């Protein structure tokens, strides 16, 4: 409360959230759930093939690296897109638009995050450190993609595909084509649901010249493209299961994923996007967690030692 000149007590200005809390909201730190489970699947499978033991230190460093890189990517995305966000009613309340986070603070957070990522990569092994700068590139290119291509979703998919590959290299210090299969599955999966997510911004994107598949080709084409992406994703998941001699629990997980994809595409229609957030957040969050739990159970039953 504050007292005015006439002696009347009136409410003071609303307290502003802490800078750290606002920055974490800016980068949507909780959405790490989409990428982390697949990095864990790759890392744990690599450990199983290496010596059948869970190496907790490496797993912690993988977590730090993944969260650091994703935080950097989200901060860059928000900084680069802040003017576009200001013109879109859906995104006009984001922290950089409202001033809850300054551009300087966002760049500081992004710099800290990328240093944490590079530090974790250096602590893992020389190959991780050597490849780390390559992983940073698509994270910066993606937000610019919507300015020069109708397919920015593919850039996002490429960025996300690196997670499982990097996690496998973090454990073994060497390249793995099995990890590439899993990475492609994850990248195409995320690219597919980004096609769905972009459908809600068609009018704003067309009005302001922002490029995307839905804006260029229409919502029905984008939804059909997403379905195609998820069919390919399932095929790659099956290929990964065969390549790594998966057991019954991973196959159970793939069955759950297939059912989730069917449900996701049944609730989003070209003329009814009212349940889009449920498809994007709830279903895709379930896919990552369910497949990770099933993959972990499968590895434990096959002999992975905690």
C-alpha atoms as a PDB file:
ATOM      1  CA  UNK A   1       0.000   0.000   0.000  1.00  0.00           C
ATOM      2  CA  UNK A   2       1.009   3.625  -0.528  1.00  0.00           C
ATOM      3  CA  UNK A   3      -0.394   6.877   0.911  1.00  0.00           C
ATOM      4  CA  UNK A   4      -1.244   9.695  -1.497  1.00  0.00           C
ATOM      5  CA  UNK A   5      -1.097  13.430  -0.784  1.00  0.00           C
ATOM      6  CA  UNK A   6      -4.732  13.435   0.360  1.00  0.00           C
ATOM      7  CA  UNK A   7      -3.924  10.852   3.027  1.00  0.00           C
ATOM      8  CA  UNK A   8      -5.818   8.023   1.303  1.00  0.00           C
ATOM      9  CA  UNK A   9      -4.120   4.648   1.236  1.00  0.00           C
ATOM     10  CA  UNK A  10      -4.098   3.159  -2.248  1.00  0.00           C
ATOM     11  CA  UNK A  11      -2.609  -0.038  -3.683  1.00  0.00           C
ATOM     12  CA  UNK A  12       0.968   0.378  -4.839  1.00  0.00           C
ATOM     13  CA  UNK A  13       2.435  -0.956  -8.071  1.00  0.00           C
ATOM     14  CA  UNK A  14       2.192  -4.709  -8.523  1.00  0.00           C
ATOM     15  CA  UNK A  15       5.469  -6.378  -7.530  1.00  0.00           C
ATOM     16  CA  UNK A  16       7.555  -7.535 -10.483  1.00  0.00           C
ATOM     17  CA  UNK A  17       8.703 -11.159 -10.577  1.00  0.00           C
ATOM     18  CA  UNK A  18      12.357 -11.885  -9.987  1.00  0.00           C
ATOM     19  CA  UNK A  19      14.617 -11.704 -13.008  1.00  0.00           C
ATOM     20  CA  UNK A  20      15.580 -15.365 -12.803  1.00  0.00           C
ATOM     21  CA  UNK A  21      11.956 -16.489 -12.541  1.00  0.00           C
ATOM     22  CA  UNK A  22      10.963 -14.278 -15.468  1.00  0.00           C
ATOM     23  CA  UNK A  23      13.859 -15.584 -17.564  1.00  0.00           C
ATOM     24  CA  UNK A  24      12.880 -19.195 -16.825  1.00  0.00           C
ATOM     25  CA  UNK A  25       9.360 -18.363 -17.957  1.00  0.00           C
ATOM     26  CA  UNK A  26      10.802 -16.763 -21.071  1.00  0.00           C
ATOM     27  CA  UNK A  27      12.665 -19.931 -22.076  1.00  0.00           C
ATOM     28  CA  UNK A  28       9.841 -22.238 -20.888  1.00  0.00           C
ATOM     29  CA  UNK A  29      12.287 -24.407 -18.971  1.00  0.00           C
ATOM     30  CA  UNK A  30       9.589 -27.001 -18.235  1.00  0.00           C
ATOM     31  CA  UNK A  31       9.399 -27.874 -21.944  1.00  0.00           C
ATOM     32  CA  UNK A  32      12.718 -29.688 -21.643  1.00  0.00           C
ATOM     33  CA  UNK A  33      10.461 -32.714 -21.148  1.00  0.00           C
ATOM     34  CA  UNK A  34      10.123 -32.925 -24.937  1.00  0.00           C
ATOM     35  CA  UNK A  35      13.826 -33.449 -25.647  1.00  0.00           C
ATOM     36  CA  UNK A  36      15.404 -34.899 -22.480  1.00  0.00           C
ATOM     37  CA  UNK A  37      13.698 -38.334 -22.530  1.00  0.00           C
ATOM     38  CA  UNK A  38      15.172 -39.181 -25.926  1.00  0.00           C
ATOM     39  CA  UNK A  39      18.642 -38.040 -24.902  1.00  0.00           C
ATOM     40  CA  UNK A  40      18.307 -40.346 -21.897  1.00  0.00           C
ATOM     41  CA  UNK A  41      17.164 -43.245 -24.089  1.00  0.00           C
ATOM     42  CA  UNK A  42      20.235 -42.809 -26.289  1.00  0.00           C
ATOM     43  CA  UNK A  43      22.618 -42.368 -23.351  1.00  0.00           C
ATOM     44  CA  UNK A  44      21.284 -45.383 -21.434  1.00  0.00           C
ATOM     45  CA  UNK A  45      21.289 -47.597 -24.515  1.00  0.00           C
ATOM     46  CA  UNK A  46      24.892 -46.588 -25.154  1.00  0.00           C
ATOM     47  CA  UNK A  47      25.758 -47.447 -21.540  1.00  0.00           C
ATOM     48  CA  UNK A  48      24.047 -50.814 -21.923  1.00  0.00           C
ATOM     49  CA  UNK A  49      26.117 -51.579 -25.007  1.00  0.00           C
ATOM     50  CA  UNK A  50      29.292 -50.206 -23.405  1.00  0.00           C
ATOM     51  CA  UNK A  51      29.389 -52.139 -20.133  1.00  0.00           C
ATOM     52  CA  UNK A  52      25.767 -52.516 -18.910  1.00  0.00           C
ATOM     53  CA  UNK A  53      26.301 -49.985 -16.103  1.00  0.00           C
ATOM     54  CA  UNK A  54      24.634 -46.625 -15.580  1.00  0.00           C
ATOM     55  CA  UNK A  55      27.296 -43.930 -15.384  1.00  0.00           C
ATOM     56  CA  UNK A  56      25.544 -41.305 -13.271  1.00  0.00           C
ATOM     57  CA  UNK A  57      28.186 -38.636 -13.739  1.00  0.00           C
ATOM     58  CA  UNK A  58      27.891 -38.772 -17.513  1.00  0.00           C
ATOM     59  CA  UNK A  59      24.124 -38.821 -17.285  1.00  0.00           C
ATOM     60  CA  UNK A  60      24.238 -35.672 -15.159  1.00  0.00           C
ATOM     61  CA  UNK A  61      26.527 -33.959 -17.675  1.00  0.00           C
ATOM     62  CA  UNK A  62      24.188 -34.969 -20.515  1.00  0.00           C
ATOM     63  CA  UNK A  63      21.323 -33.354 -18.588  1.00  0.00           C
ATOM     64  CA  UNK A  64      23.310 -30.165 -18.006  1.00  0.00           C
ATOM     65  CA  UNK A  65      24.347 -29.998 -21.655  1.00  0.00           C
ATOM     66  CA  UNK A  66      20.811 -30.581 -22.956  1.00  0.00           C
ATOM     67  CA  UNK A  67      19.192 -28.027 -20.654  1.00  0.00           C
ATOM     68  CA  UNK A  68      21.960 -25.511 -21.337  1.00  0.00           C
ATOM     69  CA  UNK A  69      21.684 -25.802 -25.111  1.00  0.00           C
ATOM     70  CA  UNK A  70      17.889 -25.733 -25.078  1.00  0.00           C
ATOM     71  CA  UNK A  71      17.877 -22.664 -22.815  1.00  0.00           C
ATOM     72  CA  UNK A  72      20.275 -20.905 -25.178  1.00  0.00           C
ATOM     73  CA  UNK A  73      18.103 -21.842 -28.161  1.00  0.00           C
ATOM     74  CA  UNK A  74      14.887 -20.601 -26.559  1.00  0.00           C
ATOM     75  CA  UNK A  75      16.480 -17.343 -25.418  1.00  0.00           C
ATOM     76  CA  UNK A  76      17.825 -16.680 -28.930  1.00  0.00           C
ATOM     77  CA  UNK A  77      14.431 -17.524 -30.389  1.00  0.00           C
ATOM     78  CA  UNK A  78      12.642 -15.073 -28.126  1.00  0.00           C
ATOM     79  CA  UNK A  79      15.222 -12.308 -28.685  1.00  0.00           C
ATOM     80  CA  UNK A  80      15.274 -12.632 -32.464  1.00  0.00           C
ATOM     81  CA  UNK A  81      11.480 -12.957 -32.712  1.00  0.00           C
ATOM     82  CA  UNK A  82      10.513 -10.238 -30.242  1.00  0.00           C
ATOM     83  CA  UNK A  83       9.219  -7.859 -32.924  1.00  0.00           C
ATOM     84  CA  UNK A  84       7.214 -10.623 -34.606  1.00  0.00           C
ATOM     85  CA  UNK A  85       5.880 -11.688 -31.202  1.00  0.00           C
ATOM     86  CA  UNK A  86       4.727  -8.132 -30.488  1.00  0.00           C
ATOM     87  CA  UNK A  87       2.514  -8.174 -33.602  1.00  0.00           C
ATOM     88  CA  UNK A  88       0.902 -11.543 -32.852  1.00  0.00           C
ATOM     89  CA  UNK A  89      -1.930 -11.497 -30.251  1.00  0.00           C
ATOM     90  CA  UNK A  90      -0.994 -15.005 -29.074  1.00  0.00           C
ATOM     91  CA  UNK A  91       2.585 -14.033 -28.260  1.00  0.00           C
ATOM     92  CA  UNK A  92       2.186 -10.353 -27.365  1.00  0.00           C
ATOM     93  CA  UNK A  93       2.366 -11.161 -23.638  1.00  0.00           C
ATOM     94  CA  UNK A  94       5.801 -12.776 -23.823  1.00  0.00           C
ATOM     95  CA  UNK A  95       8.356 -11.392 -21.415  1.00  0.00           C
ATOM     96  CA  UNK A  96      10.549  -9.563 -23.936  1.00  0.00           C
ATOM     97  CA  UNK A  97       7.489  -7.870 -25.423  1.00  0.00           C
ATOM     98  CA  UNK A  98       6.052  -6.722 -22.095  1.00  0.00           C
ATOM     99  CA  UNK A  99       9.430  -5.745 -20.665  1.00  0.00           C
ATOM    100  CA  UNK A 100       9.365  -8.300 -17.845  1.00  0.00           C
ATOM    101  CA  UNK A 101      12.767  -9.387 -19.210  1.00  0.00           C
ATOM    102  CA  UNK A 102      15.101  -6.923 -20.913  1.00  0.00           C
ATOM    103  CA  UNK A 103      16.937  -7.796 -24.099  1.00  0.00           C
ATOM    104  CA  UNK A 104      20.222  -7.364 -22.221  1.00  0.00           C
ATOM    105  CA  UNK A 105      19.126  -9.823 -19.516  1.00  0.00           C
ATOM    106  CA  UNK A 106      17.979 -12.303 -22.157  1.00  0.00           C
ATOM    107  CA  UNK A 107      21.331 -12.123 -23.946  1.00  0.00           C
ATOM    108  CA  UNK A 108      23.121 -12.552 -20.619  1.00  0.00           C
ATOM    109  CA  UNK A 109      21.043 -15.645 -19.853  1.00  0.00           C
ATOM    110  CA  UNK A 110      21.678 -17.014 -23.340  1.00  0.00           C
ATOM    111  CA  UNK A 111      25.433 -16.483 -22.954  1.00  0.00           C
ATOM    112  CA  UNK A 112      25.494 -18.195 -19.564  1.00  0.00           C
ATOM    113  CA  UNK A 113      23.477 -21.109 -20.973  1.00  0.00           C
ATOM    114  CA  UNK A 114      25.770 -21.668 -23.957  1.00  0.00           C
ATOM    115  CA  UNK A 115      28.867 -21.485 -21.714  1.00  0.00           C
ATOM    116  CA  UNK A 116      27.286 -24.127 -19.449  1.00  0.00           C
ATOM    117  CA  UNK A 117      26.594 -26.279 -22.528  1.00  0.00           C
ATOM    118  CA  UNK A 118      30.158 -25.974 -23.816  1.00  0.00           C
ATOM    119  CA  UNK A 119      31.543 -26.659 -20.347  1.00  0.00           C
ATOM    120  CA  UNK A 120      29.495 -29.847 -20.031  1.00  0.00           C
ATOM    121  CA  UNK A 121      30.596 -30.931 -23.516  1.00  0.00           C
ATOM    122  CA  UNK A 122      34.238 -30.340 -22.590  1.00  0.00           C
ATOM    123  CA  UNK A 123      33.815 -32.383 -19.401  1.00  0.00           C
ATOM    124  CA  UNK A 124      32.361 -35.317 -21.341  1.00  0.00           C
ATOM    125  CA  UNK A 125      34.975 -36.037 -24.012  1.00  0.00           C
ATOM    126  CA  UNK A 126      36.979 -34.353 -26.807  1.00  0.00           C
ATOM    127  CA  UNK A 127      34.572 -35.379 -29.587  1.00  0.00           C
ATOM    128  CA  UNK A 128      31.634 -33.808 -27.742  1.00  0.00           C
ATOM    129  CA  UNK A 129      33.554 -30.552 -27.398  1.00  0.00           C
ATOM    130  CA  UNK A 130      34.642 -30.605 -31.053  1.00  0.00           C
ATOM    131  CA  UNK A 131      31.065 -31.126 -32.275  1.00  0.00           C
ATOM    132  CA  UNK A 132      29.415 -28.771 -29.761  1.00  0.00           C
ATOM    133  CA  UNK A 133      29.691 -25.620 -31.942  1.00  0.00           C
ATOM    134  CA  UNK A 134      27.912 -27.482 -34.761  1.00  0.00           C
ATOM    135  CA  UNK A 135      24.974 -28.148 -32.428  1.00  0.00           C
ATOM    136  CA  UNK A 136      24.711 -24.420 -31.676  1.00  0.00           C
ATOM    137  CA  UNK A 137      24.312 -23.351 -35.325  1.00  0.00           C
ATOM    138  CA  UNK A 138      20.723 -24.535 -36.033  1.00  0.00           C
ATOM    139  CA  UNK A 139      19.591 -23.125 -32.694  1.00  0.00           C
ATOM    140  CA  UNK A 140      20.448 -19.635 -33.987  1.00  0.00           C
ATOM    141  CA  UNK A 141      19.368 -20.239 -37.600  1.00  0.00           C
ATOM    142  CA  UNK A 142      15.896 -21.570 -36.699  1.00  0.00           C
ATOM    143  CA  UNK A 143      14.281 -18.281 -35.593  1.00  0.00           C
ATOM    144  CA  UNK A 144      15.554 -16.625 -38.778  1.00  0.00           C
ATOM    145  CA  UNK A 145      14.178 -19.516 -40.854  1.00  0.00           C
ATOM    146  CA  UNK A 146      10.637 -18.168 -40.867  1.00  0.00           C
ATOM    147  CA  UNK A 147      11.983 -15.104 -42.661  1.00  0.00           C
ATOM    148  CA  UNK A 148      13.455 -16.934 -45.670  1.00  0.00           C
ATOM    149  CA  UNK A 149      11.819 -20.375 -46.011  1.00  0.00           C
ATOM    150  CA  UNK A 150       8.339 -21.839 -45.835  1.00  0.00           C
ATOM    151  CA  UNK A 151       9.831 -24.832 -44.031  1.00  0.00           C
ATOM    152  CA  UNK A 152      11.370 -23.531 -40.780  1.00  0.00           C
ATOM    153  CA  UNK A 153       9.937 -26.640 -39.096  1.00  0.00           C
ATOM    154  CA  UNK A 154      12.650 -28.685 -40.828  1.00  0.00           C
ATOM    155  CA  UNK A 155      15.359 -26.533 -39.217  1.00  0.00           C
ATOM    156  CA  UNK A 156      13.766 -27.095 -35.822  1.00  0.00           C
ATOM    157  CA  UNK A 157      13.677 -30.836 -36.513  1.00  0.00           C
ATOM    158  CA  UNK A 158      17.377 -30.826 -37.418  1.00  0.00           C
ATOM    159  CA  UNK A 159      18.203 -28.999 -34.198  1.00  0.00           C
ATOM    160  CA  UNK A 160      16.260 -31.504 -32.103  1.00  0.00           C
ATOM    161  CA  UNK A 161      17.696 -34.501 -33.943  1.00  0.00           C
ATOM    162  CA  UNK A 162      21.131 -33.718 -32.544  1.00  0.00           C
ATOM    163  CA  UNK A 163      20.088 -34.498 -28.959  1.00  0.00           C
ATOM    164  CA  UNK A 164      20.138 -38.310 -29.064  1.00  0.00           C
ATOM    165  CA  UNK A 165      23.250 -38.338 -31.265  1.00  0.00           C
ATOM    166  CA  UNK A 166      25.078 -36.054 -28.855  1.00  0.00           C
ATOM    167  CA  UNK A 167      23.962 -38.073 -25.836  1.00  0.00           C
ATOM    168  CA  UNK A 168      25.303 -41.287 -27.376  1.00  0.00           C
ATOM    169  CA  UNK A 169      28.632 -39.632 -28.203  1.00  0.00           C
ATOM    170  CA  UNK A 170      28.739 -38.277 -24.642  1.00  0.00           C
ATOM    171  CA  UNK A 171      28.795 -41.848 -23.332  1.00  0.00           C
ATOM    172  CA  UNK A 172      30.987 -43.627 -25.874  1.00  0.00           C
ATOM    173  CA  UNK A 173      33.090 -40.871 -27.404  1.00  0.00           C
ATOM    174  CA  UNK A 174      32.328 -42.285 -30.848  1.00  0.00           C
ATOM    175  CA  UNK A 175      29.769 -41.995 -33.644  1.00  0.00           C
ATOM    176  CA  UNK A 176      26.735 -44.295 -33.752  1.00  0.00           C
ATOM    177  CA  UNK A 177      24.327 -44.856 -36.633  1.00  0.00           C
ATOM    178  CA  UNK A 178      21.807 -46.308 -34.175  1.00  0.00           C
ATOM    179  CA  UNK A 179      21.775 -42.913 -32.469  1.00  0.00           C
ATOM    180  CA  UNK A 180      21.305 -41.238 -35.858  1.00  0.00           C
ATOM    181  CA  UNK A 181      18.172 -43.334 -36.440  1.00  0.00           C
ATOM    182  CA  UNK A 182      16.769 -42.269 -33.088  1.00  0.00           C
ATOM    183  CA  UNK A 183      17.791 -38.659 -33.713  1.00  0.00           C
ATOM    184  CA  UNK A 184      16.022 -38.616 -37.078  1.00  0.00           C
ATOM    185  CA  UNK A 185      12.904 -40.060 -35.443  1.00  0.00           C
ATOM    186  CA  UNK A 186      12.935 -37.320 -32.808  1.00  0.00           C
ATOM    187  CA  UNK A 187      13.648 -34.557 -35.316  1.00  0.00           C
ATOM    188  CA  UNK A 188      10.867 -35.588 -37.690  1.00  0.00           C
ATOM    189  CA  UNK A 189       8.475 -36.061 -34.752  1.00  0.00           C
ATOM    190  CA  UNK A 190       9.131 -32.551 -33.435  1.00  0.00           C
ATOM    191  CA  UNK A 191       9.067 -31.050 -36.921  1.00  0.00           C
ATOM    192  CA  UNK A 192       5.681 -32.711 -37.403  1.00  0.00           C
ATOM    193  CA  UNK A 193       4.103 -31.361 -34.264  1.00  0.00           C
ATOM    194  CA  UNK A 194       5.581 -27.933 -35.007  1.00  0.00           C
ATOM    195  CA  UNK A 195       3.512 -28.055 -38.204  1.00  0.00           C
ATOM    196  CA  UNK A 196       0.440 -28.550 -36.018  1.00  0.00           C
ATOM    197  CA  UNK A 197       1.441 -25.820 -33.576  1.00  0.00           C
ATOM    198  CA  UNK A 198       2.028 -23.280 -36.371  1.00  0.00           C
ATOM    199  CA  UNK A 199      -1.568 -23.677 -37.557  1.00  0.00           C
ATOM    200  CA  UNK A 200      -2.829 -21.345 -34.830  1.00  0.00           C
ATOM    201  CA  UNK A 201      -0.754 -18.444 -36.163  1.00  0.00           C
ATOM    202  CA  UNK A 202      -1.807 -18.579 -39.821  1.00  0.00           C
ATOM    203  CA  UNK A 203      -3.655 -15.261 -39.887  1.00  0.00           C
ATOM    204  CA  UNK A 204      -0.957 -13.343 -38.030  1.00  0.00           C
ATOM    205  CA  UNK A 205       1.823 -14.960 -40.067  1.00  0.00           C
ATOM    206  CA  UNK A 206       0.175 -14.091 -43.381  1.00  0.00           C
ATOM    207  CA  UNK A 207      -0.525 -10.540 -42.227  1.00  0.00           C
ATOM    208  CA  UNK A 208       3.095  -9.906 -41.254  1.00  0.00           C
ATOM    209  CA  UNK A 209       4.959 -11.970 -43.860  1.00  0.00           C
ATOM    210  CA  UNK A 210       6.089 -14.734 -41.494  1.00  0.00           C
ATOM    211  CA  UNK A 211       6.754 -17.938 -43.424  1.00  0.00           C
ATOM    212  CA  UNK A 212       5.545 -21.425 -42.488  1.00  0.00           C
ATOM    213  CA  UNK A 213       3.877 -24.403 -44.126  1.00  0.00           C
ATOM    214  CA  UNK A 214       0.397 -23.513 -42.788  1.00  0.00           C
ATOM    215  CA  UNK A 215       0.787 -19.872 -43.864  1.00  0.00           C
ATOM    216  CA  UNK A 216       1.932 -20.831 -47.368  1.00  0.00           C
ATOM    217  CA  UNK A 217      -0.037 -23.985 -48.119  1.00  0.00           C
ATOM    218  CA  UNK A 218      -2.944 -23.838 -45.663  1.00  0.00           C
ATOM    219  CA  UNK A 219      -3.927 -25.644 -42.486  1.00  0.00           C
ATOM    220  CA  UNK A 220      -5.185 -28.870 -44.132  1.00  0.00           C
ATOM    221  CA  UNK A 221      -1.865 -29.312 -45.960  1.00  0.00           C
ATOM    222  CA  UNK A 222       0.058 -28.714 -42.736  1.00  0.00           C
ATOM    223  CA  UNK A 223      -1.983 -31.310 -40.852  1.00  0.00           C
ATOM    224  CA  UNK A 224      -1.504 -33.846 -43.629  1.00  0.00           C
ATOM    225  CA  UNK A 225       2.222 -33.074 -43.546  1.00  0.00           C
ATOM    226  CA  UNK A 226       2.267 -33.649 -39.792  1.00  0.00           C
ATOM    227  CA  UNK A 227       0.572 -37.011 -40.248  1.00  0.00           C
ATOM    228  CA  UNK A 228       3.175 -37.985 -42.816  1.00  0.00           C
ATOM    229  CA  UNK A 229       5.975 -36.908 -40.478  1.00  0.00           C
ATOM    230  CA  UNK A 230       4.579 -39.039 -37.672  1.00  0.00           C
ATOM    231  CA  UNK A 231       4.202 -42.088 -39.902  1.00  0.00           C
ATOM    232  CA  UNK A 232       7.893 -41.715 -40.788  1.00  0.00           C
ATOM    233  CA  UNK A 233       8.684 -41.197 -37.093  1.00  0.00           C
ATOM    234  CA  UNK A 234       7.025 -44.495 -36.194  1.00  0.00           C
ATOM    235  CA  UNK A 235       8.938 -46.284 -38.954  1.00  0.00           C
ATOM    236  CA  UNK A 236      12.209 -44.897 -37.618  1.00  0.00           C
ATOM    237  CA  UNK A 237      11.317 -45.859 -34.029  1.00  0.00           C
ATOM    238  CA  UNK A 238      10.683 -49.414 -35.228  1.00  0.00           C
ATOM    239  CA  UNK A 239      14.009 -49.383 -37.103  1.00  0.00           C
ATOM    240  CA  UNK A 240      15.775 -48.192 -33.952  1.00  0.00           C
ATOM    241  CA  UNK A 241      14.148 -50.949 -31.883  1.00  0.00           C
ATOM    242  CA  UNK A 242      15.285 -53.568 -34.397  1.00  0.00           C
ATOM    243  CA  UNK A 243      18.791 -52.105 -34.649  1.00  0.00           C
ATOM    244  CA  UNK A 244      19.286 -52.193 -30.875  1.00  0.00           C
ATOM    245  CA  UNK A 245      17.664 -55.633 -30.353  1.00  0.00           C
ATOM    246  CA  UNK A 246      14.954 -54.123 -28.169  1.00  0.00           C
ATOM    247  CA  UNK A 247      12.845 -56.271 -25.889  1.00  0.00           C
ATOM    248  CA  UNK A 248       9.154 -56.402 -25.148  1.00  0.00           C
ATOM    249  CA  UNK A 249       8.951 -53.240 -23.029  1.00  0.00           C
ATOM    250  CA  UNK A 250      10.294 -50.963 -25.758  1.00  0.00           C
ATOM    251  CA  UNK A 251       7.862 -52.505 -28.214  1.00  0.00           C
ATOM    252  CA  UNK A 252       5.108 -51.821 -25.690  1.00  0.00           C
ATOM    253  CA  UNK A 253       6.283 -48.220 -25.553  1.00  0.00           C
ATOM    254  CA  UNK A 254       6.138 -47.927 -29.331  1.00  0.00           C
ATOM    255  CA  UNK A 255       2.572 -49.236 -29.234  1.00  0.00           C
ATOM    256  CA  UNK A 256       1.685 -46.475 -26.764  1.00  0.00           C
ATOM    257  CA  UNK A 257       3.377 -43.896 -28.979  1.00  0.00           C
ATOM    258  CA  UNK A 258       1.421 -45.082 -32.031  1.00  0.00           C
ATOM    259  CA  UNK A 259      -1.831 -44.821 -30.057  1.00  0.00           C
ATOM    260  CA  UNK A 260      -0.867 -41.311 -28.885  1.00  0.00           C
ATOM    261  CA  UNK A 261      -0.188 -40.228 -32.467  1.00  0.00           C
ATOM    262  CA  UNK A 262      -3.581 -41.538 -33.569  1.00  0.00           C
ATOM    263  CA  UNK A 263      -5.268 -39.654 -30.728  1.00  0.00           C
ATOM    264  CA  UNK A 264      -3.304 -36.469 -31.451  1.00  0.00           C
ATOM    265  CA  UNK A 265      -4.379 -36.420 -35.073  1.00  0.00           C
ATOM    266  CA  UNK A 266      -7.968 -37.276 -34.234  1.00  0.00           C
ATOM    267  CA  UNK A 267      -8.483 -34.199 -32.027  1.00  0.00           C
ATOM    268  CA  UNK A 268      -6.988 -31.564 -34.352  1.00  0.00           C
ATOM    269  CA  UNK A 269      -9.056 -30.759 -37.436  1.00  0.00           C
ATOM    270  CA  UNK A 270      -8.513 -28.100 -40.128  1.00  0.00           C
ATOM    271  CA  UNK A 271     -11.618 -26.220 -38.979  1.00  0.00           C
ATOM    272  CA  UNK A 272     -11.342 -27.041 -35.274  1.00  0.00           C
ATOM    273  CA  UNK A 273      -8.089 -26.122 -33.539  1.00  0.00           C
ATOM    274  CA  UNK A 274      -9.719 -25.794 -30.112  1.00  0.00           C
ATOM    275  CA  UNK A 275      -7.812 -28.791 -28.769  1.00  0.00           C
ATOM    276  CA  UNK A 276      -4.481 -27.913 -30.356  1.00  0.00           C
ATOM    277  CA  UNK A 277      -2.783 -27.163 -27.031  1.00  0.00           C
ATOM    278  CA  UNK A 278      -3.859 -30.559 -25.697  1.00  0.00           C
ATOM    279  CA  UNK A 279      -2.324 -32.197 -28.775  1.00  0.00           C
ATOM    280  CA  UNK A 280       0.855 -30.166 -28.524  1.00  0.00           C
ATOM    281  CA  UNK A 281       1.609 -30.128 -24.815  1.00  0.00           C
ATOM    282  CA  UNK A 282      -0.217 -33.064 -23.227  1.00  0.00           C
ATOM    283  CA  UNK A 283       0.093 -35.706 -25.937  1.00  0.00           C
ATOM    284  CA  UNK A 284       3.654 -34.914 -26.955  1.00  0.00           C
ATOM    285  CA  UNK A 285       4.760 -34.704 -23.335  1.00  0.00           C
ATOM    286  CA  UNK A 286       3.201 -38.128 -22.782  1.00  0.00           C
ATOM    287  CA  UNK A 287       5.000 -39.568 -25.819  1.00  0.00           C
ATOM    288  CA  UNK A 288       8.441 -38.614 -24.538  1.00  0.00           C
ATOM    289  CA  UNK A 289       7.880 -39.763 -20.963  1.00  0.00           C
ATOM    290  CA  UNK A 290       6.080 -42.997 -21.865  1.00  0.00           C
ATOM    291  CA  UNK A 291       8.731 -44.079 -24.348  1.00  0.00           C
ATOM    292  CA  UNK A 292      11.536 -43.250 -21.915  1.00  0.00           C
ATOM    293  CA  UNK A 293       9.934 -45.255 -19.090  1.00  0.00           C
ATOM    294  CA  UNK A 294       9.383 -48.232 -21.376  1.00  0.00           C
ATOM    295  CA  UNK A 295      12.909 -48.009 -22.795  1.00  0.00           C
ATOM    296  CA  UNK A 296      14.388 -47.851 -19.288  1.00  0.00           C
ATOM    297  CA  UNK A 297      12.382 -50.867 -18.156  1.00  0.00           C
ATOM    298  CA  UNK A 298      13.484 -52.733 -21.256  1.00  0.00           C
ATOM    299  CA  UNK A 299      17.151 -52.019 -20.600  1.00  0.00           C
ATOM    300  CA  UNK A 300      16.869 -52.945 -16.918  1.00  0.00           C
ATOM    301  CA  UNK A 301      15.183 -56.248 -17.746  1.00  0.00           C
ATOM    302  CA  UNK A 302      17.892 -56.981 -20.313  1.00  0.00           C
ATOM    303  CA  UNK A 303      20.640 -56.420 -17.746  1.00  0.00           C
ATOM    304  CA  UNK A 304      21.409 -52.716 -17.331  1.00  0.00           C
ATOM    305  CA  UNK A 305      22.789 -52.245 -13.816  1.00  0.00           C
ATOM    306  CA  UNK A 306      21.759 -49.231 -11.754  1.00  0.00           C
END
